[in-house]
Amino acid sequence: MSIKLYHLNAPDLKGNLNKYKPENARYWFYLEIHVMFNDDEHSTEVFSVWVASPEGLQDCFSRSWLRDIVIEDAKIIVIKNEYNYNSLEQRIRELIHKCNGRNDYESLILLQRYFDPIDKYSEDINGDYFEIFDKMKKVKK
């Protein structure tokens, strides 16, 4: 099975991610990672991860609406040194490479060790799935 990085996107940053220069040492941003399966552009999955400096990590999660919880089930890449797009991209490629399974399903599960899956079909995760489950129940009867 072959999975690889297809595209990186940071929706909250203005401009190209590869030209991003943090204003100071306290930075963080949400990163979407598009992973391609078997060199097929139409077979992609989207994952997410937070990218932050150690100082930015504290700022990012101190603004949480849950004041008593600092980090709750978040996938995070902390950059110790000065931000460098090429280093970040290379590290993400390495992590994705480590997640090649024997089939697509295994690869998807392994990718979730490092990245959060994004449900690209629905914002309300329960709404559509409940509808699908109801249809499956009707078919089984």
Foldseek 3Di string as FASTA:
>chain_A
DDKFWDDKDFPVDPDDPQPDADPDQQDKTKMKTWMADPPDPVRIFIWIAMEGEPNNLQVVQCPDPPNVDRDDPGQYDYDDDGDHPVVVRVVVRVQLVVLDDPDPVSSVVSNVVRTGTDDPPDPPVPVVVVVVVVVVVVVVD
